Amino acid sequence: MNAASETVRASNFVGGEWVGAGSGRTYQRENPAHLDEVAVIAPDSDASDVEQAVAHVAEGYREWASTPPEDRADVLLRAADLLAERADALAVELVREEGKTLAEARVETRRTPQNLRMYAGECLRLQGESYQAAGTAMVLTMRDPVGVVAAITPWNFPLNIPSRKLGPALAAGNGVVFKPSELTPLLGQRLVEALLDAGVPGSALALVHGHAEVGKALVSDPRVGAVTFTGSTAVGEAIHGNVPPWVRTQLEMGGKNALVVWDDADLDKAADLVSKGAFGLSGQACTGTSRVVAHERIANGLLDRVMERARAAVVDDGLRDGATMGPLANLAQHEKYDAYLRVGAADGGRLETPTHGCAPEGGYFARPAVFSGVRPDHRLAQEEVFAPILAFLTVSSYDEAIETVNATSYGLSAGVVTASLDTALRFARDAEAGVVKVNQPTTGLAMNAPFGGWRRSSTQTFKEQAGPSMMQFYTREKTVYLTPEDPA
């Protein structure tokens, strides 16, 4: 094994120290492109490790909360600079641990510092309001940190998504206990390292690696003031059931995202948008395109173009030159991919693309799969797959198209490809989704815009990423009544 592929050991960070799990247990995470290569060995923590982490942060975060906001901003800016300096090395580690291509990894490692720079500005924008009162009395509001924030993040964006939670939480003066996905412990640790190196005190930040036991213990701890989670709908719903009712909760979960291609669309452009949304990141994005809803007049031409792009995909180790798709993240993802290939066929869908012949051997590789002849009630059109499997549906009218788009229990992202402003605006009004894209892939988000879904895709209480509600989630409003002392 060469130096570039040497196994790395991760650690918990609790009470200002890098430590292992209290039990001494560890687990291995393999490189999903080379299953005989261990990418990282991490602590397999349990509830006692969580208890210690929360106790330290609950006691110590006030040091950070009392830090002047301009100083907190400086720390986040330094962390951003450190991540930018380390971006190329982090991208290689990201490929080995998570599986995306190097080009996709570089997009993430270069965007993450920009997130922290934006949140640094939020340190200085926290503000209250004043209200009319009788005589010389005053009524005003203040925003205080919520205290301890529990942050639980997924494996598909192991730097970007955690930075969108830890960044604003720390900007508001909170302490954070962070549980990254068990599939990407190393990248979660790299973010924490940058924050600590930049000056975040160890009393305000803890990192606990592990599996579901860690998350369950974390969100149910009564000292936690807020829970922020991004991941699958099943896990999000389980978390919601364990969070005390007085704890504010932000859950961003799954999607069954549709891209409508209208009869006036440029079909080559539309096929590019479909392919990017459906097959980019190996289909493992919550906003990924899993359904195409095509007008019947252009459906055959669009299908031909999408199949051409699917067949041209180069599925390989993300560090190999020319790779356009990396492996799926783990065995469970690959088994789910295989299962939904069978589901699509059993529902009467027609598999239009070959799904075998991936190289090299020894990884969780999967080729893009396109099913035509799918109906809105098919499982392939209803259930989140989180793999490069695309359901192709055909409609004859706008009303049928919008009914098809909205005919799921999810509501995360939806898009339309059209040359008509009228169609675009109608779709933006009628699509039941938290994100609507026009002539863009369903994936891809502006870092300074709010992000959140409808229905089962989100708790719909506070938006993630940016916007006014972002800092509201990480702070508590306090109303203060003030009457000056009578000088007499």
Protein backbone atom coordinates (compact mmCIF):
# COMPACT_ATOMS: atom_id res chain seq x y z
CA MET A 1 0.00 0.00 0.00
CA ASN A 2 1.53 3.33 -1.05
CA ALA A 3 1.70 6.46 1.09
CA ALA A 4 -1.33 8.00 -0.58
CA SER A 5 -3.51 5.09 0.56
CA GLU A 6 -2.24 4.57 4.10
CA THR A 7 -4.98 4.00 6.64
CA VAL A 8 -5.82 7.07 8.73
CA ARG A 9 -7.06 6.90 12.32
CA ALA A 10 -9.82 9.26 13.44
CA SER A 11 -10.52 10.34 17.02
CA ASN A 12 -13.30 11.85 19.07
CA PHE A 13 -12.77 15.36 20.39
CA VAL A 14 -14.24 15.72 23.88
CA GLY A 15 -13.37 18.11 26.68
CA GLY A 16 -10.64 19.76 24.67
CA GLU A 17 -8.78 16.50 23.95
CA TRP A 18 -8.51 14.01 21.08
CA VAL A 19 -9.62 10.68 22.53
CA GLY A 20 -10.90 7.27 21.54
CA ALA A 21 -14.25 5.79 22.46
CA GLY A 22 -14.55 5.08 26.16
CA SER A 23 -15.08 1.40 25.36
CA GLY A 24 -11.96 1.29 23.20
CA ARG A 25 -14.02 -0.04 20.29
CA THR A 26 -13.30 1.03 16.71
CA TYR A 27 -14.71 0.34 13.28
CA GLN A 28 -13.24 0.42 9.78
CA ARG A 29 -14.48 2.35 6.77
CA GLU A 30 -13.32 0.91 3.46
CA ASN A 31 -12.67 2.85 0.28
CA PRO A 32 -15.87 2.19 -1.73
CA ALA A 33 -13.82 1.97 -4.93
CA HIS A 34 -11.33 -0.55 -3.49
CA LEU A 35 -12.91 -2.72 -0.84
CA ASP A 36 -9.59 -4.20 0.27
CA GLU A 37 -8.36 -0.73 1.25
CA VAL A 38 -9.26 0.70 4.66
CA ALA A 39 -9.74 4.45 4.30
CA VAL A 40 -10.09 5.24 8.01
CA ILE A 41 -10.39 3.58 11.41
CA ALA A 42 -12.69 5.52 13.75
CA PRO A 43 -13.97 5.26 17.33
CA ASP A 44 -17.16 3.25 17.69
CA SER A 45 -18.65 5.44 20.40
CA ASP A 46 -21.68 4.85 22.58
CA ALA A 47 -24.08 6.81 24.80
CA SER A 48 -21.49 7.31 27.53
CA ASP A 49 -19.21 9.12 25.09
CA VAL A 50 -22.12 11.35 24.10
CA GLU A 51 -22.91 12.10 27.74
CA GLN A 52 -19.36 13.30 28.34
CA ALA A 53 -19.33 15.40 25.18
CA VAL A 54 -22.61 17.14 25.96
CA ALA A 55 -21.59 17.72 29.57
CA HIS A 56 -18.35 19.45 28.55
CA VAL A 57 -20.00 21.64 25.91
CA ALA A 58 -22.99 22.53 28.13
CA GLU A 59 -20.57 23.69 30.81
CA GLY A 60 -18.02 25.39 28.59
CA TYR A 61 -19.77 27.00 25.61
CA ARG A 62 -20.42 30.24 27.52
CA GLU A 63 -16.78 31.20 27.03
CA TRP A 64 -17.43 31.22 23.30
CA ALA A 65 -20.84 32.90 23.68
CA SER A 66 -19.21 35.80 25.55
CA THR A 67 -16.58 36.26 22.86
CA PRO A 68 -17.20 39.56 21.00
CA PRO A 69 -18.98 38.92 17.70
CA GLU A 70 -16.19 40.47 15.65
CA ASP A 71 -13.74 38.03 17.26
CA ARG A 72 -16.02 35.08 16.48
CA ALA A 73 -16.14 36.33 12.90
CA ASP A 74 -12.34 36.43 12.75
CA VAL A 75 -12.14 32.82 13.93
CA LEU A 76 -14.56 31.61 11.24
CA LEU A 77 -12.62 33.55 8.61
CA ARG A 78 -9.37 31.92 9.74
CA ALA A 79 -11.04 28.50 9.58
CA ALA A 80 -12.18 29.27 6.05
CA ASP A 81 -8.62 30.20 5.07
CA LEU A 82 -7.26 26.99 6.55
CA LEU A 83 -9.81 24.88 4.69
CA ALA A 84 -8.98 26.70 1.46
CA GLU A 85 -5.27 25.98 1.98
CA ARG A 86 -6.05 22.30 2.60
CA ALA A 87 -8.68 21.97 -0.16
CA ASP A 88 -6.68 19.84 -2.61
CA ALA A 89 -5.57 17.34 0.03
CA LEU A 90 -9.08 17.20 1.46
CA ALA A 91 -10.49 16.46 -1.99
CA VAL A 92 -8.32 13.36 -2.32
CA GLU A 93 -9.34 12.15 1.13
CA LEU A 94 -12.98 12.82 0.26
CA VAL A 95 -12.75 10.62 -2.84
CA ARG A 96 -11.15 7.77 -0.89
CA GLU A 97 -13.64 7.94 1.95
CA GLU A 98 -16.93 8.81 0.22
CA GLY A 99 -16.43 7.79 -3.41
CA LYS A 100 -17.29 10.80 -5.58
CA THR A 101 -15.03 11.85 -8.43
CA LEU A 102 -12.11 14.17 -7.83
CA ALA A 103 -13.81 16.94 -9.81
CA GLU A 104 -16.93 16.65 -7.64
CA ALA A 105 -14.82 16.53 -4.48
CA ARG A 106 -12.96 19.70 -5.47
CA VAL A 107 -16.25 21.55 -5.91
CA GLU A 108 -17.13 20.63 -2.33
CA THR A 109 -13.76 21.38 -0.73
CA ARG A 110 -13.59 24.77 -2.44
CA ARG A 111 -17.15 25.72 -1.58
CA THR A 112 -16.92 24.86 2.12
CA PRO A 113 -14.60 27.78 2.98
CA GLN A 114 -17.02 30.13 1.24
CA ASN A 115 -19.79 28.92 3.55
CA LEU A 116 -17.76 29.81 6.62
CA ARG A 117 -16.93 33.24 5.22
CA MET A 118 -20.63 33.93 4.77
CA TYR A 119 -21.42 32.81 8.31
CA ALA A 120 -18.62 34.98 9.68
CA GLY A 121 -20.65 37.95 8.46
CA GLU A 122 -23.68 36.70 10.38
CA CYS A 123 -21.78 37.18 13.65
CA LEU A 124 -22.14 40.93 13.13
CA ARG A 125 -25.73 40.91 11.85
CA LEU A 126 -27.47 39.44 14.88
CA GLN A 127 -29.82 42.15 16.09
CA GLY A 128 -32.93 42.80 18.13
CA GLU A 129 -35.77 45.29 17.82
CA SER A 130 -37.33 48.00 19.95
CA TYR A 131 -41.03 48.70 20.49
CA GLN A 132 -43.11 51.67 21.59
CA ALA A 133 -43.80 51.81 25.33
CA ALA A 134 -45.44 54.22 27.78
CA GLY A 135 -43.45 57.14 29.11
CA THR A 136 -39.73 56.53 29.46
CA ALA A 137 -40.09 52.75 29.50
CA MET A 138 -38.54 50.66 26.75
CA VAL A 139 -39.40 47.26 25.28
CA LEU A 140 -36.71 45.57 23.24
CA THR A 141 -35.72 42.13 22.04
CA MET A 142 -32.38 40.36 22.25
CA ARG A 143 -31.18 37.18 20.57
CA ASP A 144 -29.23 34.73 22.73
CA PRO A 145 -27.60 31.45 21.66
CA VAL A 146 -29.73 28.34 22.22
CA GLY A 147 -26.86 26.66 24.11
CA VAL A 148 -25.83 23.20 22.94
CA VAL A 149 -26.55 22.36 19.30
CA ALA A 150 -26.60 18.71 18.21
CA ALA A 151 -25.50 18.47 14.57
CA ILE A 152 -25.91 15.17 12.69
CA THR A 153 -24.86 15.09 9.05
CA PRO A 154 -24.87 12.69 6.07
CA TRP A 155 -22.07 11.11 4.10
CA ASN A 156 -22.78 12.48 0.63
CA PHE A 157 -21.47 16.01 1.37
CA PRO A 158 -19.27 15.38 4.41
CA LEU A 159 -17.68 18.85 4.45
CA ASN A 160 -20.22 21.16 2.86
CA ILE A 161 -23.30 20.14 4.85
CA PRO A 162 -21.56 20.13 8.26
CA SER A 163 -20.14 23.59 7.53
CA ARG A 164 -23.72 24.80 6.94
CA LYS A 165 -24.61 23.68 10.46
CA LEU A 166 -21.48 24.26 12.52
CA GLY A 167 -20.83 27.62 10.85
CA PRO A 168 -24.06 29.42 11.83
CA ALA A 169 -24.29 27.61 15.17
CA LEU A 170 -20.85 28.89 16.18
CA ALA A 171 -21.49 32.32 14.65
CA ALA A 172 -24.43 32.71 17.05
CA GLY A 173 -22.27 31.80 20.06
CA ASN A 174 -23.51 28.25 20.63
CA GLY A 175 -21.58 25.15 21.57
CA VAL A 176 -21.81 22.22 19.16
CA VAL A 177 -21.68 18.46 19.58
CA PHE A 178 -21.13 17.07 16.11
CA LYS A 179 -21.81 13.54 14.88
CA PRO A 180 -20.71 13.03 11.28
CA SER A 181 -21.92 10.03 9.31
CA GLU A 182 -20.20 6.79 10.23
CA LEU A 183 -19.28 6.48 6.53
CA THR A 184 -17.30 9.73 6.50
CA PRO A 185 -15.71 10.21 9.92
CA LEU A 186 -12.44 11.57 8.55
CA LEU A 187 -13.91 14.49 6.59
CA GLY A 188 -16.04 15.46 9.58
CA GLN A 189 -12.91 15.47 11.68
CA ARG A 190 -11.05 17.61 9.14
CA LEU A 191 -13.69 20.33 9.51
CA VAL A 192 -13.39 20.24 13.30
CA GLU A 193 -9.59 20.39 13.06
CA ALA A 194 -9.78 23.55 10.96
CA LEU A 195 -12.19 25.21 13.39
CA LEU A 196 -10.02 24.35 16.39
CA ASP A 197 -6.82 25.42 14.62
CA ALA A 198 -8.53 28.74 13.84
CA GLY A 199 -9.37 29.41 17.50
CA VAL A 200 -12.73 27.87 18.36
CA PRO A 201 -12.23 26.86 22.02
CA GLY A 202 -12.33 23.17 22.81
CA SER A 203 -14.95 23.92 25.44
CA ALA A 204 -17.42 24.93 22.71
CA LEU A 205 -16.99 22.07 20.25
CA ALA A 206 -17.11 18.28 20.51
CA LEU A 207 -16.87 15.53 17.90
CA VAL A 208 -18.27 12.04 18.53
CA HIS A 209 -17.93 9.30 15.91
CA GLY A 210 -20.14 6.24 15.77
CA HIS A 211 -23.38 4.72 14.61
CA ALA A 212 -27.10 5.14 15.37
CA GLU A 213 -26.63 4.77 19.14
CA VAL A 214 -24.62 7.98 19.17
CA GLY A 215 -27.25 9.98 17.32
CA LYS A 216 -30.11 8.67 19.45
CA ALA A 217 -28.29 9.54 22.69
CA LEU A 218 -27.34 12.96 21.38
CA VAL A 219 -30.77 14.16 20.29
CA SER A 220 -32.50 12.88 23.43
CA ASP A 221 -30.10 14.56 25.89
CA PRO A 222 -32.10 17.18 27.87
CA ARG A 223 -29.16 19.62 27.82
CA VAL A 224 -29.37 19.97 24.03
CA GLY A 225 -31.18 23.13 22.96
CA ALA A 226 -31.43 22.50 19.21
CA VAL A 227 -31.10 19.54 16.83
CA THR A 228 -30.12 20.00 13.20
CA PHE A 229 -30.08 16.95 10.93
CA THR A 230 -29.68 16.24 7.22
CA GLY A 231 -30.12 12.70 5.95
CA SER A 232 -32.66 10.08 5.01
CA THR A 233 -36.34 10.44 5.75
CA ALA A 234 -36.41 7.23 7.79
CA VAL A 235 -33.60 8.36 10.08
CA GLY A 236 -35.02 11.89 10.30
CA GLU A 237 -38.41 10.60 11.37
CA ALA A 238 -36.76 8.38 13.99
CA ILE A 239 -34.80 11.37 15.31
CA HIS A 240 -37.96 13.45 15.47
CA GLY A 241 -39.52 10.82 17.71
CA ASN A 242 -36.60 11.04 20.16
CA VAL A 243 -36.32 14.82 20.45
CA PRO A 244 -38.05 16.38 23.48
CA PRO A 245 -40.93 18.64 22.39
CA TRP A 246 -39.33 21.81 23.75
CA VAL A 247 -36.17 21.38 21.66
CA ARG A 248 -36.17 23.21 18.34
CA THR A 249 -35.56 20.83 15.47
CA GLN A 250 -34.43 21.27 11.87
CA LEU A 251 -34.66 18.15 9.74
CA GLU A 252 -33.80 18.09 6.03
CA MET A 253 -34.61 14.70 4.58
CA GLY A 254 -35.35 12.90 1.34
CA GLY A 255 -36.82 13.82 -2.01
CA LYS A 256 -38.37 12.33 -5.12
CA ASN A 257 -37.43 15.17 -7.40
CA ALA A 258 -38.88 15.63 -10.87
CA LEU A 259 -37.62 17.57 -13.87
CA VAL A 260 -40.34 18.47 -16.37
CA VAL A 261 -39.17 18.86 -19.97
CA TRP A 262 -41.70 20.80 -22.03
CA ASP A 263 -42.32 20.56 -25.75
CA ASP A 264 -40.51 23.83 -26.50
CA ALA A 265 -37.28 22.82 -24.75
CA ASP A 266 -33.87 22.49 -26.34
CA LEU A 267 -33.53 18.71 -26.10
CA ASP A 268 -29.74 18.58 -25.98
CA LYS A 269 -29.67 21.10 -23.14
CA ALA A 270 -32.51 19.26 -21.40
CA ALA A 271 -30.69 15.93 -21.67
CA ASP A 272 -27.58 17.51 -20.15
CA LEU A 273 -29.62 18.86 -17.24
CA VAL A 274 -31.32 15.50 -16.70
CA SER A 275 -28.01 13.62 -16.74
CA LYS A 276 -26.29 16.03 -14.37
CA GLY A 277 -29.15 15.86 -11.89
CA ALA A 278 -29.68 12.10 -12.15
CA PHE A 279 -26.18 10.69 -12.51
CA GLY A 280 -23.92 13.32 -10.94
CA LEU A 281 -22.59 12.28 -7.52
CA SER A 282 -23.58 8.73 -8.57
CA GLY A 283 -27.21 9.69 -8.03
CA GLN A 284 -26.60 10.16 -4.30
CA ALA A 285 -27.95 13.66 -3.73
CA CYS A 286 -31.16 14.52 -1.89
CA THR A 287 -32.03 17.00 -4.66
CA GLY A 288 -31.04 14.58 -7.45
CA THR A 289 -33.34 14.09 -10.43
CA SER A 290 -35.06 10.75 -9.97
CA ARG A 291 -38.03 11.41 -12.28
CA VAL A 292 -38.23 12.97 -15.73
CA VAL A 293 -41.68 14.14 -16.78
CA ALA A 294 -41.56 14.67 -20.55
CA HIS A 295 -44.20 16.08 -22.87
CA GLU A 296 -45.27 13.35 -25.27
CA ARG A 297 -44.31 15.39 -28.35
CA ILE A 298 -40.61 15.36 -27.40
CA ALA A 299 -40.43 12.29 -25.15
CA ASN A 300 -38.76 9.92 -27.64
CA GLY A 301 -36.15 12.45 -28.69
CA LEU A 302 -35.34 13.29 -25.08
CA LEU A 303 -35.17 9.62 -24.06
CA ASP A 304 -32.69 8.88 -26.86
CA ARG A 305 -30.43 11.70 -25.73
CA VAL A 306 -30.58 10.75 -22.05
CA MET A 307 -29.77 7.11 -22.89
CA GLU A 308 -26.81 8.26 -24.95
CA ARG A 309 -25.41 10.20 -21.99
CA ALA A 310 -26.09 7.35 -19.57
CA ARG A 311 -24.25 4.86 -21.77
CA ALA A 312 -21.30 7.24 -22.11
CA ALA A 313 -20.73 7.47 -18.35
CA VAL A 314 -17.28 6.32 -17.23
CA VAL A 315 -17.78 4.53 -13.92
CA ASP A 316 -14.49 4.14 -12.07
CA ASP A 317 -12.41 5.09 -9.06
CA GLY A 318 -12.95 8.83 -8.67
CA LEU A 319 -9.18 9.41 -8.61
CA ARG A 320 -8.74 7.84 -12.07
CA ASP A 321 -8.44 10.19 -15.04
CA GLY A 322 -11.60 10.27 -17.10
CA ALA A 323 -13.96 8.97 -14.41
CA THR A 324 -17.35 10.68 -14.59
CA MET A 325 -19.05 8.58 -11.89
CA GLY A 326 -17.58 7.09 -8.76
CA PRO A 327 -18.91 4.09 -6.81
CA LEU A 328 -21.91 4.02 -4.55
CA ALA A 329 -21.11 4.74 -0.92
CA ASN A 330 -21.41 1.29 0.64
CA LEU A 331 -22.88 -2.18 0.36
CA ALA A 332 -26.32 -1.06 1.55
CA GLN A 333 -26.47 1.52 -1.23
CA HIS A 334 -25.44 -1.06 -3.83
CA GLU A 335 -28.01 -3.57 -2.58
CA LYS A 336 -30.66 -0.86 -2.75
CA TYR A 337 -29.62 -0.08 -6.34
CA ASP A 338 -29.96 -3.77 -7.29
CA ALA A 339 -33.30 -4.02 -5.52
CA TYR A 340 -34.77 -1.07 -7.39
CA LEU A 341 -33.61 -2.45 -10.72
CA ARG A 342 -35.84 -5.42 -9.90
CA VAL A 343 -38.64 -3.14 -8.69
CA GLY A 344 -38.57 -1.17 -11.93
CA ALA A 345 -38.86 -4.31 -14.01
CA ALA A 346 -41.59 -5.80 -11.80
CA ASP A 347 -43.67 -2.62 -12.15
CA GLY A 348 -43.57 -2.96 -15.91
CA GLY A 349 -40.87 -0.40 -16.61
CA ARG A 350 -38.46 -0.95 -19.48
CA LEU A 351 -34.74 -0.77 -18.69
CA GLU A 352 -33.21 1.21 -21.54
CA THR A 353 -29.56 1.15 -20.49
CA PRO A 354 -27.06 -1.62 -19.66
CA THR A 355 -26.29 -1.83 -15.96
CA HIS A 356 -23.40 -4.30 -15.98
CA GLY A 357 -19.80 -4.23 -17.11
CA CYS A 358 -18.46 -1.74 -14.55
CA ALA A 359 -14.70 -1.69 -14.04
CA PRO A 360 -12.60 -2.15 -12.03
CA GLU A 361 -13.73 -5.07 -9.89
CA GLY A 362 -13.79 -4.84 -6.13
CA GLY A 363 -15.85 -1.67 -5.60
CA TYR A 364 -19.49 -0.66 -5.18
CA PHE A 365 -19.83 0.41 -8.80
CA ALA A 366 -23.19 0.90 -10.52
CA ARG A 367 -24.03 2.17 -13.97
CA PRO A 368 -26.75 4.75 -14.75
CA ALA A 369 -30.11 3.07 -15.26
CA VAL A 370 -33.00 4.62 -17.20
CA PHE A 371 -36.48 3.08 -17.02
CA SER A 372 -39.09 4.16 -19.57
CA GLY A 373 -42.78 3.32 -19.44
CA VAL A 374 -43.03 4.32 -15.77
CA ARG A 375 -46.41 5.41 -14.41
CA PRO A 376 -46.92 7.89 -11.55
CA ASP A 377 -48.14 5.16 -9.19
CA HIS A 378 -45.15 2.87 -9.76
CA ARG A 379 -42.79 2.45 -6.81
CA LEU A 380 -39.98 3.75 -8.99
CA ALA A 381 -41.91 7.03 -9.27
CA GLN A 382 -42.84 7.19 -5.59
CA GLU A 383 -39.94 5.96 -3.46
CA GLU A 384 -36.58 7.63 -2.93
CA VAL A 385 -33.86 5.44 -4.44
CA PHE A 386 -30.69 7.55 -3.85
CA ALA A 387 -28.87 5.86 -6.69
CA PRO A 388 -28.35 6.54 -10.43
CA ILE A 389 -31.77 5.16 -11.43
CA LEU A 390 -34.04 7.44 -13.45
CA ALA A 391 -37.78 6.98 -13.96
CA PHE A 392 -38.98 8.37 -17.33
CA LEU A 393 -42.66 9.42 -17.45
CA THR A 394 -44.66 10.89 -20.33
CA VAL A 395 -47.54 13.39 -20.13
CA SER A 396 -49.80 15.15 -22.64
CA SER A 397 -50.79 18.36 -20.83
CA TYR A 398 -49.56 20.87 -18.28
CA ASP A 399 -52.20 19.80 -15.76
CA GLU A 400 -51.08 16.17 -16.07
CA ALA A 401 -47.46 17.23 -15.69
CA ILE A 402 -48.01 19.22 -12.49
CA GLU A 403 -50.24 16.49 -11.05
CA THR A 404 -47.47 13.97 -11.72
CA VAL A 405 -44.79 16.17 -10.16
CA ASN A 406 -46.84 16.65 -6.99
CA ALA A 407 -48.02 13.04 -6.70
CA THR A 408 -45.52 11.92 -4.05
CA SER A 409 -45.17 12.33 -0.30
CA TYR A 410 -42.00 14.40 -0.81
CA GLY A 411 -41.49 18.02 -1.80
CA LEU A 412 -37.81 18.89 -1.92
CA SER A 413 -36.78 20.03 -5.42
CA ALA A 414 -38.60 20.26 -8.74
CA GLY A 415 -37.65 21.77 -12.07
CA VAL A 416 -38.88 22.61 -15.54
CA VAL A 417 -37.05 23.05 -18.83
CA THR A 418 -38.94 25.41 -21.14
CA ALA A 419 -38.52 28.40 -23.43
CA SER A 420 -41.79 29.89 -22.17
CA LEU A 421 -41.75 32.41 -19.34
CA ASP A 422 -45.46 31.75 -18.81
CA THR A 423 -44.87 28.01 -18.35
CA ALA A 424 -41.92 28.70 -16.04
CA LEU A 425 -43.93 31.04 -13.81
CA ARG A 426 -46.93 28.73 -13.74
CA PHE A 427 -44.68 25.86 -12.72
CA ALA A 428 -42.97 27.92 -10.02
CA ARG A 429 -46.41 28.68 -8.58
CA ASP A 430 -47.86 25.16 -8.87
CA ALA A 431 -44.95 22.89 -7.97
CA GLU A 432 -45.26 21.67 -4.37
CA ALA A 433 -41.59 21.80 -3.46
CA GLY A 434 -39.33 23.93 -1.34
CA VAL A 435 -36.90 24.48 -4.24
CA VAL A 436 -38.02 25.16 -7.82
CA LYS A 437 -35.48 25.30 -10.67
CA VAL A 438 -36.11 26.69 -14.14
CA ASN A 439 -33.76 25.57 -16.94
CA GLN A 440 -31.37 24.20 -14.31
CA PRO A 441 -30.76 20.75 -12.85
CA THR A 442 -32.72 19.90 -9.73
CA THR A 443 -29.36 19.71 -7.92
CA GLY A 444 -27.19 22.70 -7.00
CA LEU A 445 -28.02 25.40 -4.47
CA ALA A 446 -26.98 29.00 -3.94
CA MET A 447 -25.18 29.21 -0.60
CA ASN A 448 -26.84 32.53 0.28
CA ALA A 449 -30.41 31.34 -0.34
CA PRO A 450 -32.75 29.44 2.02
CA PHE A 451 -32.99 25.69 1.52
CA GLY A 452 -35.72 23.37 2.72
CA GLY A 453 -38.45 21.07 1.49
CA TRP A 454 -42.15 20.52 1.92
CA ARG A 455 -44.09 17.56 3.31
CA ARG A 456 -41.88 14.57 4.27
CA SER A 457 -38.77 16.28 2.94
CA SER A 458 -38.43 18.68 5.86
CA THR A 459 -39.77 19.75 9.24
CA GLN A 460 -40.60 23.09 7.51
CA THR A 461 -39.93 25.01 10.71
CA PHE A 462 -36.62 26.68 9.89
CA LYS A 463 -34.83 26.88 6.58
CA GLU A 464 -31.26 25.61 6.31
CA GLN A 465 -28.22 27.27 4.76
CA ALA A 466 -29.05 30.98 4.58
CA GLY A 467 -31.76 33.57 4.86
CA PRO A 468 -33.33 35.22 7.91
CA SER A 469 -34.57 31.99 9.48
CA MET A 470 -31.09 30.46 9.56
CA MET A 471 -29.81 32.55 12.46
CA GLN A 472 -33.24 32.53 14.08
CA PHE A 473 -32.91 28.77 14.46
CA TYR A 474 -29.59 29.06 16.30
CA THR A 475 -30.74 31.85 18.63
CA ARG A 476 -33.56 32.39 21.15
CA GLU A 477 -35.49 35.62 21.25
CA LYS A 478 -35.81 37.38 24.60
CA THR A 479 -38.18 40.31 25.21
CA VAL A 480 -36.85 42.85 27.70
CA TYR A 481 -39.01 45.45 29.52
CA LEU A 482 -36.96 48.34 30.85
CA THR A 483 -38.03 51.29 32.98
CA PRO A 484 -35.32 53.76 34.07
CA GLU A 485 -35.06 54.35 37.79
CA ASP A 486 -37.03 57.43 38.94
CA PRO A 487 -34.35 60.08 39.63
CA ALA A 488 -36.52 61.43 42.48
